[in-house]
């Protein structure tokens, strides 16, 4: 049996990689994928604690988070595609639609 601490270490590493991707990258697609990685790291931690406590409530929460993440992925990718069509770039520095 794999110890629970291993799952939490993997979750923390995935979350740290996602955070670094959001902070360092200027590409909107990389930022978007990093946010998804952070959501999956949080899901792994929730499942780990749920299994540690022998409780299925965490599994239900993860299903809800996965549903919201799927909707976010659809809307986020649609927005990124529209930005690329209008600006011909996915660089976050060039994304200044709300500025005058």
PDB file of N, CA and C in Angstrom:
ATOM      1  N   UNK A   1       0.841  -1.186   0.000  1.00  0.00           N
ATOM      2  CA  UNK A   1       0.000   0.000   0.000  1.00  0.00           C
ATOM      3  C   UNK A   1       0.888   1.252   0.000  1.00  0.00           C
ATOM      4  N   UNK A   2       0.523   2.197  -0.790  1.00  0.00           N
ATOM      5  CA  UNK A   2       1.281   3.445  -0.901  1.00  0.00           C
ATOM      6  C   UNK A   2       0.887   4.369   0.253  1.00  0.00           C
ATOM      7  N   UNK A   3       1.869   4.939   0.944  1.00  0.00           N
ATOM      8  CA  UNK A   3       1.536   5.837   2.063  1.00  0.00           C
ATOM      9  C   UNK A   3       0.824   7.100   1.580  1.00  0.00           C
ATOM     10  N   UNK A   4       0.001   7.628   2.450  1.00  0.00           N
ATOM     11  CA  UNK A   4      -0.777   8.825   2.112  1.00  0.00           C
ATOM     12  C   UNK A   4       0.133  10.032   1.904  1.00  0.00           C
ATOM     13  N   UNK A   5       1.247  10.065   2.615  1.00  0.00           N
ATOM     14  CA  UNK A   5       2.158  11.205   2.468  1.00  0.00           C
ATOM     15  C   UNK A   5       2.698  11.305   1.034  1.00  0.00           C
ATOM     16  N   UNK A   6       2.854  10.174   0.358  1.00  0.00           N
ATOM     17  CA  UNK A   6       3.321  10.227  -1.031  1.00  0.00           C
ATOM     18  C   UNK A   6       2.320  10.939  -1.934  1.00  0.00           C
ATOM     19  N   UNK A   7       1.037  10.682  -1.732  1.00  0.00           N
ATOM     20  CA  UNK A   7       0.007  11.354  -2.527  1.00  0.00           C
ATOM     21  C   UNK A   7       0.007  12.853  -2.259  1.00  0.00           C
ATOM     22  N   UNK A   8       0.203  13.231  -1.004  1.00  0.00           N
ATOM     23  CA  UNK A   8       0.214  14.650  -0.668  1.00  0.00           C
ATOM     24  C   UNK A   8       1.451  15.352  -1.225  1.00  0.00           C
ATOM     25  N   UNK A   9       2.575  14.654  -1.247  1.00  0.00           N
ATOM     26  CA  UNK A   9       3.789  15.237  -1.836  1.00  0.00           C
ATOM     27  C   UNK A   9       3.596  15.452  -3.333  1.00  0.00           C
ATOM     28  N   UNK A  10       3.023  14.465  -4.017  1.00  0.00           N
ATOM     29  CA  UNK A  10       2.759  14.609  -5.457  1.00  0.00           C
ATOM     30  C   UNK A  10       1.781  15.758  -5.699  1.00  0.00           C
ATOM     31  N   UNK A  11       0.763  15.851  -4.854  1.00  0.00           N
ATOM     32  CA  UNK A  11      -0.211  16.937  -4.989  1.00  0.00           C
ATOM     33  C   UNK A  11       0.458  18.296  -4.797  1.00  0.00           C
ATOM     34  N   UNK A  12       1.316  18.408  -3.796  1.00  0.00           N
ATOM     35  CA  UNK A  12       2.013  19.678  -3.557  1.00  0.00           C
ATOM     36  C   UNK A  12       2.941  20.030  -4.712  1.00  0.00           C
ATOM     37  N   UNK A  13       3.636  19.019  -5.255  1.00  0.00           N
ATOM     38  CA  UNK A  13       4.518  19.278  -6.396  1.00  0.00           C
ATOM     39  C   UNK A  13       3.730  19.730  -7.622  1.00  0.00           C
ATOM     40  N   UNK A  14       2.612  19.062  -7.896  1.00  0.00           N
ATOM     41  CA  UNK A  14       1.779  19.469  -9.037  1.00  0.00           C
ATOM     42  C   UNK A  14       1.255  20.886  -8.856  1.00  0.00           C
ATOM     43  N   UNK A  15       0.845  21.218  -7.643  1.00  0.00           N
ATOM     44  CA  UNK A  15       0.341  22.562  -7.385  1.00  0.00           C
ATOM     45  C   UNK A  15       1.457  23.598  -7.540  1.00  0.00           C
ATOM     46  N   UNK A  16       2.663  23.258  -7.084  1.00  0.00           N
ATOM     47  CA  UNK A  16       3.788  24.188  -7.214  1.00  0.00           C
ATOM     48  C   UNK A  16       4.163  24.391  -8.684  1.00  0.00           C
ATOM     49  N   UNK A  17       4.139  23.315  -9.472  1.00  0.00           N
ATOM     50  CA  UNK A  17       4.427  23.440 -10.899  1.00  0.00           C
ATOM     51  C   UNK A  17       3.370  24.306 -11.581  1.00  0.00           C
ATOM     52  N   UNK A  18       2.107  24.115 -11.216  1.00  0.00           N
ATOM     53  CA  UNK A  18       1.031  24.939 -11.775  1.00  0.00           C
ATOM     54  C   UNK A  18       1.168  26.395 -11.397  1.00  0.00           C
ATOM     55  N   UNK A  19       1.522  26.657 -10.149  1.00  0.00           N
ATOM     56  CA  UNK A  19       1.703  28.031  -9.703  1.00  0.00           C
ATOM     57  C   UNK A  19       2.866  28.694 -10.437  1.00  0.00           C
ATOM     58  N   UNK A  20       3.953  27.956 -10.597  1.00  0.00           N
ATOM     59  CA  UNK A  20       5.097  28.503 -11.329  1.00  0.00           C
ATOM     60  C   UNK A  20       4.719  28.778 -12.782  1.00  0.00           C
ATOM     61  N   UNK A  21       3.918  27.908 -13.378  1.00  0.00           N
ATOM     62  CA  UNK A  21       3.484  28.120 -14.755  1.00  0.00           C
ATOM     63  C   UNK A  21       2.637  29.366 -14.913  1.00  0.00           C
ATOM     64  N   UNK A  22       1.787  29.632 -13.941  1.00  0.00           N
ATOM     65  CA  UNK A  22       0.947  30.836 -14.001  1.00  0.00           C
ATOM     66  C   UNK A  22       1.792  32.090 -13.801  1.00  0.00           C
ATOM     67  N   UNK A  23       2.748  32.023 -12.887  1.00  0.00           N
ATOM     68  CA  UNK A  23       3.544  33.207 -12.567  1.00  0.00           C
ATOM     69  C   UNK A  23       4.576  33.547 -13.652  1.00  0.00           C
ATOM     70  N   UNK A  24       5.145  32.544 -14.286  1.00  0.00           N
ATOM     71  CA  UNK A  24       6.267  32.769 -15.202  1.00  0.00           C
ATOM     72  C   UNK A  24       5.817  32.952 -16.642  1.00  0.00           C
ATOM     73  N   UNK A  25       4.820  32.214 -17.070  1.00  0.00           N
ATOM     74  CA  UNK A  25       4.462  32.164 -18.482  1.00  0.00           C
ATOM     75  C   UNK A  25       3.715  33.407 -18.932  1.00  0.00           C
ATOM     76  N   UNK A  26       3.899  33.747 -20.193  1.00  0.00           N
ATOM     77  CA  UNK A  26       3.156  34.832 -20.823  1.00  0.00           C
ATOM     78  C   UNK A  26       2.175  34.312 -21.858  1.00  0.00           C
ATOM     79  N   UNK A  27       2.223  33.028 -22.146  1.00  0.00           N
ATOM     80  CA  UNK A  27       1.333  32.424 -23.123  1.00  0.00           C
ATOM     81  C   UNK A  27       0.017  32.052 -22.433  1.00  0.00           C
ATOM     82  N   UNK A  28      -1.101  32.495 -22.992  1.00  0.00           N
ATOM     83  CA  UNK A  28      -2.399  32.242 -22.368  1.00  0.00           C
ATOM     84  C   UNK A  28      -2.722  30.747 -22.292  1.00  0.00           C
ATOM     85  N   UNK A  29      -2.307  29.966 -23.271  1.00  0.00           N
ATOM     86  CA  UNK A  29      -2.567  28.531 -23.236  1.00  0.00           C
ATOM     87  C   UNK A  29      -1.797  27.848 -22.109  1.00  0.00           C
ATOM     88  N   UNK A  30      -0.567  28.251 -21.883  1.00  0.00           N
ATOM     89  CA  UNK A  30       0.237  27.677 -20.806  1.00  0.00           C
ATOM     90  C   UNK A  30      -0.347  28.073 -19.456  1.00  0.00           C
ATOM     91  N   UNK A  31      -0.776  29.305 -19.336  1.00  0.00           N
ATOM     92  CA  UNK A  31      -1.416  29.754 -18.095  1.00  0.00           C
ATOM     93  C   UNK A  31      -2.683  28.955 -17.841  1.00  0.00           C
ATOM     94  N   UNK A  32      -3.456  28.732 -18.880  1.00  0.00           N
ATOM     95  CA  UNK A  32      -4.699  27.971 -18.765  1.00  0.00           C
ATOM     96  C   UNK A  32      -4.421  26.527 -18.340  1.00  0.00           C
ATOM     97  N   UNK A  33      -3.421  25.901 -18.948  1.00  0.00           N
ATOM     98  CA  UNK A  33      -3.064  24.528 -18.580  1.00  0.00           C
ATOM     99  C   UNK A  33      -2.516  24.465 -17.158  1.00  0.00           C
ATOM    100  N   UNK A  34      -1.815  25.496 -16.726  1.00  0.00           N
ATOM    101  CA  UNK A  34      -1.290  25.525 -15.367  1.00  0.00           C
ATOM    102  C   UNK A  34      -2.412  25.624 -14.339  1.00  0.00           C
ATOM    103  N   UNK A  35      -3.449  26.377 -14.653  1.00  0.00           N
ATOM    104  CA  UNK A  35      -4.601  26.460 -13.757  1.00  0.00           C
ATOM    105  C   UNK A  35      -5.300  25.110 -13.659  1.00  0.00           C
ATOM    106  N   UNK A  36      -5.414  24.417 -14.779  1.00  0.00           N
ATOM    107  CA  UNK A  36      -6.004  23.077 -14.760  1.00  0.00           C
ATOM    108  C   UNK A  36      -5.152  22.116 -13.930  1.00  0.00           C
ATOM    109  N   UNK A  37      -3.836  22.245 -14.013  1.00  0.00           N
ATOM    110  CA  UNK A  37      -2.940  21.410 -13.225  1.00  0.00           C
ATOM    111  C   UNK A  37      -3.121  21.678 -11.733  1.00  0.00           C
ATOM    112  N   UNK A  38      -3.313  22.946 -11.382  1.00  0.00           N
ATOM    113  CA  UNK A  38      -3.556  23.287  -9.984  1.00  0.00           C
ATOM    114  C   UNK A  38      -4.877  22.713  -9.491  1.00  0.00           C
ATOM    115  N   UNK A  39      -5.910  22.732 -10.330  1.00  0.00           N
ATOM    116  CA  UNK A  39      -7.188  22.128  -9.948  1.00  0.00           C
ATOM    117  C   UNK A  39      -7.049  20.628  -9.734  1.00  0.00           C
ATOM    118  N   UNK A  40      -6.301  19.963 -10.594  1.00  0.00           N
ATOM    119  CA  UNK A  40      -6.110  18.526 -10.442  1.00  0.00           C
ATOM    120  C   UNK A  40      -5.274  18.196  -9.207  1.00  0.00           C
ATOM    121  N   UNK A  41      -4.324  19.048  -8.863  1.00  0.00           N
ATOM    122  CA  UNK A  41      -3.550  18.840  -7.639  1.00  0.00           C
ATOM    123  C   UNK A  41      -4.443  18.970  -6.413  1.00  0.00           C
ATOM    124  N   UNK A  42      -5.331  19.945  -6.427  1.00  0.00           N
ATOM    125  CA  UNK A  42      -6.276  20.082  -5.312  1.00  0.00           C
ATOM    126  C   UNK A  42      -7.214  18.885  -5.241  1.00  0.00           C
ATOM    127  N   UNK A  43      -7.643  18.381  -6.391  1.00  0.00           N
ATOM    128  CA  UNK A  43      -8.489  17.185  -6.404  1.00  0.00           C
ATOM    129  C   UNK A  43      -7.770  15.980  -5.815  1.00  0.00           C
ATOM    130  N   UNK A  44      -6.500  15.827  -6.130  1.00  0.00           N
ATOM    131  CA  UNK A  44      -5.728  14.716  -5.584  1.00  0.00           C
ATOM    132  C   UNK A  44      -5.625  14.818  -4.066  1.00  0.00           C
ATOM    133  N   UNK A  45      -5.416  16.019  -3.549  1.00  0.00           N
ATOM    134  CA  UNK A  45      -5.348  16.200  -2.096  1.00  0.00           C
ATOM    135  C   UNK A  45      -6.695  15.904  -1.448  1.00  0.00           C
ATOM    136  N   UNK A  46      -7.781  16.346  -2.074  1.00  0.00           N
ATOM    137  CA  UNK A  46      -9.119  16.091  -1.522  1.00  0.00           C
ATOM    138  C   UNK A  46      -9.404  14.597  -1.493  1.00  0.00           C
ATOM    139  N   UNK A  47      -9.076  13.892  -2.560  1.00  0.00           N
ATOM    140  CA  UNK A  47      -9.286  12.441  -2.606  1.00  0.00           C
ATOM    141  C   UNK A  47      -8.421  11.741  -1.565  1.00  0.00           C
ATOM    142  N   UNK A  48      -7.194  12.216  -1.383  1.00  0.00           N
ATOM    143  CA  UNK A  48      -6.309  11.613  -0.387  1.00  0.00           C
ATOM    144  C   UNK A  48      -6.873  11.743   1.011  1.00  0.00           C
ATOM    145  N   UNK A  49      -7.317  12.933   1.380  1.00  0.00           N
ATOM    146  CA  UNK A  49      -7.884  13.115   2.713  1.00  0.00           C
ATOM    147  C   UNK A  49      -9.205  12.368   2.867  1.00  0.00           C
ATOM    148  N   UNK A  50      -9.972  12.298   1.807  1.00  0.00           N
ATOM    149  CA  UNK A  50     -11.219  11.550   1.858  1.00  0.00           C
ATOM    150  C   UNK A  50     -10.958  10.071   2.095  1.00  0.00           C
ATOM    151  N   UNK A  51      -9.965   9.549   1.419  1.00  0.00           N
ATOM    152  CA  UNK A  51      -9.635   8.128   1.602  1.00  0.00           C
ATOM    153  C   UNK A  51      -9.022   7.878   2.973  1.00  0.00           C
ATOM    154  N   UNK A  52      -8.251   8.832   3.470  1.00  0.00           N
ATOM    155  CA  UNK A  52      -7.637   8.683   4.788  1.00  0.00           C
ATOM    156  C   UNK A  52      -8.707   8.598   5.879  1.00  0.00           C
ATOM    157  N   UNK A  53      -9.765   9.369   5.727  1.00  0.00           N
ATOM    158  CA  UNK A  53     -10.850   9.386   6.713  1.00  0.00           C
ATOM    159  C   UNK A  53     -11.946   8.380   6.421  1.00  0.00           C
ATOM    160  N   UNK A  54     -11.788   7.574   5.364  1.00  0.00           N
ATOM    161  CA  UNK A  54     -12.789   6.577   4.952  1.00  0.00           C
ATOM    162  C   UNK A  54     -14.164   7.220   4.777  1.00  0.00           C
ATOM    163  N   UNK A  55     -14.173   8.314   4.026  1.00  0.00           N
ATOM    164  CA  UNK A  55     -15.385   9.095   3.813  1.00  0.00           C
ATOM    165  C   UNK A  55     -15.533   9.336   2.311  1.00  0.00           C
ATOM    166  N   UNK A  56     -16.757   9.231   1.781  1.00  0.00           N
ATOM    167  CA  UNK A  56     -16.971   9.431   0.348  1.00  0.00           C
ATOM    168  C   UNK A  56     -17.382  10.860  -0.007  1.00  0.00           C
ATOM    169  N   UNK A  57     -17.473  11.729   0.961  1.00  0.00           N
ATOM    170  CA  UNK A  57     -17.861  13.112   0.669  1.00  0.00           C
ATOM    171  C   UNK A  57     -16.835  13.814  -0.209  1.00  0.00           C
ATOM    172  N   UNK A  58     -15.570  13.492  -0.029  1.00  0.00           N
ATOM    173  CA  UNK A  58     -14.524  14.090  -0.850  1.00  0.00           C
ATOM    174  C   UNK A  58     -14.645  13.701  -2.307  1.00  0.00           C
ATOM    175  N   UNK A  59     -15.083  12.475  -2.570  1.00  0.00           N
ATOM    176  CA  UNK A  59     -15.265  12.030  -3.946  1.00  0.00           C
ATOM    177  C   UNK A  59     -16.365  12.830  -4.637  1.00  0.00           C
ATOM    178  N   UNK A  60     -17.408  13.143  -3.909  1.00  0.00           N
ATOM    179  CA  UNK A  60     -18.514  13.942  -4.464  1.00  0.00           C
ATOM    180  C   UNK A  60     -18.027  15.355  -4.777  1.00  0.00           C
ATOM    181  N   UNK A  61     -17.228  15.915  -3.885  1.00  0.00           N
ATOM    182  CA  UNK A  61     -16.686  17.254  -4.120  1.00  0.00           C
ATOM    183  C   UNK A  61     -15.793  17.262  -5.352  1.00  0.00           C
ATOM    184  N   UNK A  62     -14.993  16.206  -5.514  1.00  0.00           N
ATOM    185  CA  UNK A  62     -14.102  16.127  -6.680  1.00  0.00           C
ATOM    186  C   UNK A  62     -14.907  16.027  -7.968  1.00  0.00           C
ATOM    187  N   UNK A  63     -16.004  15.283  -7.963  1.00  0.00           N
ATOM    188  CA  UNK A  63     -16.845  15.226  -9.164  1.00  0.00           C
ATOM    189  C   UNK A  63     -17.415  16.595  -9.509  1.00  0.00           C
ATOM    190  N   UNK A  64     -17.797  17.358  -8.508  1.00  0.00           N
ATOM    191  CA  UNK A  64     -18.310  18.707  -8.749  1.00  0.00           C
ATOM    192  C   UNK A  64     -17.208  19.599  -9.299  1.00  0.00           C
ATOM    193  N   UNK A  65     -15.998  19.513  -8.726  1.00  0.00           N
ATOM    194  CA  UNK A  65     -14.873  20.325  -9.210  1.00  0.00           C
ATOM    195  C   UNK A  65     -14.512  19.945 -10.638  1.00  0.00           C
ATOM    196  N   UNK A  66     -14.532  18.650 -10.958  1.00  0.00           N
ATOM    197  CA  UNK A  66     -14.242  18.221 -12.329  1.00  0.00           C
ATOM    198  C   UNK A  66     -15.281  18.736 -13.313  1.00  0.00           C
ATOM    199  N   UNK A  67     -16.537  18.783 -12.898  1.00  0.00           N
ATOM    200  CA  UNK A  67     -17.587  19.322 -13.758  1.00  0.00           C
ATOM    201  C   UNK A  67     -17.375  20.807 -14.023  1.00  0.00           C
ATOM    202  N   UNK A  68     -17.044  21.542 -12.974  1.00  0.00           N
ATOM    203  CA  UNK A  68     -16.779  22.976 -13.133  1.00  0.00           C
ATOM    204  C   UNK A  68     -15.530  23.192 -13.985  1.00  0.00           C
ATOM    205  N   UNK A  69     -14.509  22.350 -13.809  1.00  0.00           N
ATOM    206  CA  UNK A  69     -13.280  22.479 -14.602  1.00  0.00           C
ATOM    207  C   UNK A  69     -13.541  22.200 -16.074  1.00  0.00           C
ATOM    208  N   UNK A  70     -14.417  21.251 -16.365  1.00  0.00           N
ATOM    209  CA  UNK A  70     -14.749  20.967 -17.767  1.00  0.00           C
ATOM    210  C   UNK A  70     -15.471  22.153 -18.398  1.00  0.00           C
ATOM    211  N   UNK A  71     -16.389  22.762 -17.662  1.00  0.00           N
ATOM    212  CA  UNK A  71     -17.079  23.944 -18.182  1.00  0.00           C
ATOM    213  C   UNK A  71     -16.099  25.106 -18.350  1.00  0.00           C
ATOM    214  N   UNK A  72     -15.193  25.251 -17.402  1.00  0.00           N
ATOM    215  CA  UNK A  72     -14.185  26.305 -17.494  1.00  0.00           C
ATOM    216  C   UNK A  72     -13.271  26.081 -18.694  1.00  0.00           C
ATOM    217  N   UNK A  73     -12.930  24.836 -18.953  1.00  0.00           N
ATOM    218  CA  UNK A  73     -12.069  24.526 -20.096  1.00  0.00           C
ATOM    219  C   UNK A  73     -12.752  24.898 -21.402  1.00  0.00           C
ATOM    220  N   UNK A  74     -14.026  24.598 -21.523  1.00  0.00           N
ATOM    221  CA  UNK A  74     -14.749  24.917 -22.755  1.00  0.00           C
ATOM    222  C   UNK A  74     -14.837  26.429 -22.959  1.00  0.00           C
ATOM    223  N   UNK A  75     -15.211  27.142 -21.926  1.00  0.00           N
ATOM    224  CA  UNK A  75     -15.353  28.602 -22.040  1.00  0.00           C
ATOM    225  C   UNK A  75     -13.987  29.262 -22.206  1.00  0.00           C
ATOM    226  N   UNK A  76     -12.993  28.811 -21.438  1.00  0.00           N
ATOM    227  CA  UNK A  76     -11.657  29.399 -21.513  1.00  0.00           C
ATOM    228  C   UNK A  76     -11.019  29.206 -22.875  1.00  0.00           C
ATOM    229  N   UNK A  77     -11.126  28.013 -23.421  1.00  0.00           N
ATOM    230  CA  UNK A  77     -10.557  27.784 -24.749  1.00  0.00           C
ATOM    231  C   UNK A  77     -11.286  28.582 -25.822  1.00  0.00           C
ATOM    232  N   UNK A  78     -12.591  28.742 -25.684  1.00  0.00           N
ATOM    233  CA  UNK A  78     -13.335  29.562 -26.639  1.00  0.00           C
ATOM    234  C   UNK A  78     -12.872  31.016 -26.580  1.00  0.00           C
ATOM    235  N   UNK A  79     -12.632  31.520 -25.391  1.00  0.00           N
ATOM    236  CA  UNK A  79     -12.151  32.893 -25.242  1.00  0.00           C
ATOM    237  C   UNK A  79     -10.749  33.039 -25.835  1.00  0.00           C
ATOM    238  N   UNK A  80      -9.886  32.062 -25.562  1.00  0.00           N
ATOM    239  CA  UNK A  80      -8.527  32.124 -26.094  1.00  0.00           C
ATOM    240  C   UNK A  80      -8.535  32.065 -27.624  1.00  0.00           C
ATOM    241  N   UNK A  81      -9.410  31.249 -28.198  1.00  0.00           N
ATOM    242  CA  UNK A  81      -9.506  31.169 -29.660  1.00  0.00           C
ATOM    243  C   UNK A  81      -9.993  32.492 -30.244  1.00  0.00           C
ATOM    244  N   UNK A  82     -10.956  33.118 -29.603  1.00  0.00           N
ATOM    245  CA  UNK A  82     -11.440  34.412 -30.094  1.00  0.00           C
ATOM    246  C   UNK A  82     -10.373  35.496 -29.968  1.00  0.00           C
ATOM    247  N   UNK A  83      -9.594  35.464 -28.892  1.00  0.00           N
ATOM    248  CA  UNK A  83      -8.491  36.421 -28.754  1.00  0.00           C
ATOM    249  C   UNK A  83      -7.476  36.201 -29.859  1.00  0.00           C
ATOM    250  N   UNK A  84      -7.163  34.946 -30.146  1.00  0.00           N
ATOM    251  CA  UNK A  84      -6.186  34.653 -31.203  1.00  0.00           C
ATOM    252  C   UNK A  84      -6.701  35.100 -32.566  1.00  0.00           C
ATOM    253  N   UNK A  85      -7.983  34.922 -32.816  1.00  0.00           N
ATOM    254  CA  UNK A  85      -8.540  35.351 -34.111  1.00  0.00           C
ATOM    255  C   UNK A  85      -8.498  36.865 -34.267  1.00  0.00           C
ATOM    256  N   UNK A  86      -8.735  37.588 -33.168  1.00  0.00           N
ATOM    257  CA  UNK A  86      -8.758  39.047 -33.242  1.00  0.00           C
ATOM    258  C   UNK A  86      -7.360  39.662 -33.175  1.00  0.00           C
ATOM    259  N   UNK A  87      -6.496  39.143 -32.325  1.00  0.00           N
ATOM    260  CA  UNK A  87      -5.188  39.740 -32.087  1.00  0.00           C
ATOM    261  C   UNK A  87      -4.031  38.993 -32.751  1.00  0.00           C
ATOM    262  N   UNK A  88      -4.277  37.782 -33.213  1.00  0.00           N
ATOM    263  CA  UNK A  88      -3.283  36.907 -33.830  1.00  0.00           C
ATOM    264  C   UNK A  88      -2.096  36.627 -32.916  1.00  0.00           C
ATOM    265  N   UNK A  89      -2.337  36.600 -31.616  1.00  0.00           N
ATOM    266  CA  UNK A  89      -1.331  36.238 -30.632  1.00  0.00           C
ATOM    267  C   UNK A  89      -2.045  35.736 -29.375  1.00  0.00           C
ATOM    268  N   UNK A  90      -1.347  34.898 -28.615  1.00  0.00           N
ATOM    269  CA  UNK A  90      -1.877  34.454 -27.326  1.00  0.00           C
ATOM    270  C   UNK A  90      -0.943  34.898 -26.201  1.00  0.00           C
ATOM    271  N   UNK A  91      -0.170  35.939 -26.463  1.00  0.00           N
ATOM    272  CA  UNK A  91       0.723  36.501 -25.460  1.00  0.00           C
ATOM    273  C   UNK A  91      -0.100  37.344 -24.497  1.00  0.00           C
ATOM    274  N   UNK A  92       0.051  37.083 -23.198  1.00  0.00           N
ATOM    275  CA  UNK A  92      -0.745  37.788 -22.191  1.00  0.00           C
ATOM    276  C   UNK A  92      -0.390  39.276 -22.129  1.00  0.00           C
ATOM    277  N   UNK A  93       0.820  39.646 -22.508  1.00  0.00           N
ATOM    278  CA  UNK A  93       1.200  41.056 -22.486  1.00  0.00           C
ATOM    279  C   UNK A  93       0.481  41.858 -23.561  1.00  0.00           C
ATOM    280  N   UNK A  94       0.110  41.225 -24.648  1.00  0.00           N
ATOM    281  CA  UNK A  94      -0.593  41.904 -25.737  1.00  0.00           C
ATOM    282  C   UNK A  94      -2.101  41.945 -25.518  1.00  0.00           C
ATOM    283  N   UNK A  95      -2.552  41.275 -24.472  1.00  0.00           N
ATOM    284  CA  UNK A  95      -3.983  41.192 -24.205  1.00  0.00           C
ATOM    285  C   UNK A  95      -4.417  42.372 -23.360  1.00  0.00           C
ATOM    286  N   UNK A  96      -4.812  43.448 -24.012  1.00  0.00           N
ATOM    287  CA  UNK A  96      -5.210  44.662 -23.308  1.00  0.00           C
ATOM    288  C   UNK A  96      -6.529  45.193 -23.854  1.00  0.00           C
ATOM    289  N   UNK A  97      -7.502  44.319 -23.975  1.00  0.00           N
ATOM    290  CA  UNK A  97      -8.786  44.708 -24.559  1.00  0.00           C
ATOM    291  C   UNK A  97      -9.554  45.680 -23.687  1.00  0.00           C
ATOM    292  N   UNK A  98      -9.320  45.660 -22.354  1.00  0.00           N
ATOM    293  CA  UNK A  98     -10.085  46.514 -21.474  1.00  0.00           C
ATOM    294  C   UNK A  98      -9.442  47.875 -21.258  1.00  0.00           C
ATOM    295  N   UNK A  99      -8.234  48.073 -21.802  1.00  0.00           N
ATOM    296  CA  UNK A  99      -7.577  49.374 -21.676  1.00  0.00           C
ATOM    297  C   UNK A  99      -8.038  50.301 -22.780  1.00  0.00           C
ATOM    298  N   UNK A 100      -7.966  51.588 -22.549  1.00  0.00           N
ATOM    299  CA  UNK A 100      -8.354  52.568 -23.565  1.00  0.00           C
ATOM    300  C   UNK A 100      -7.169  53.049 -24.319  1.00  0.00           C
TER     301      UNK A 100
END
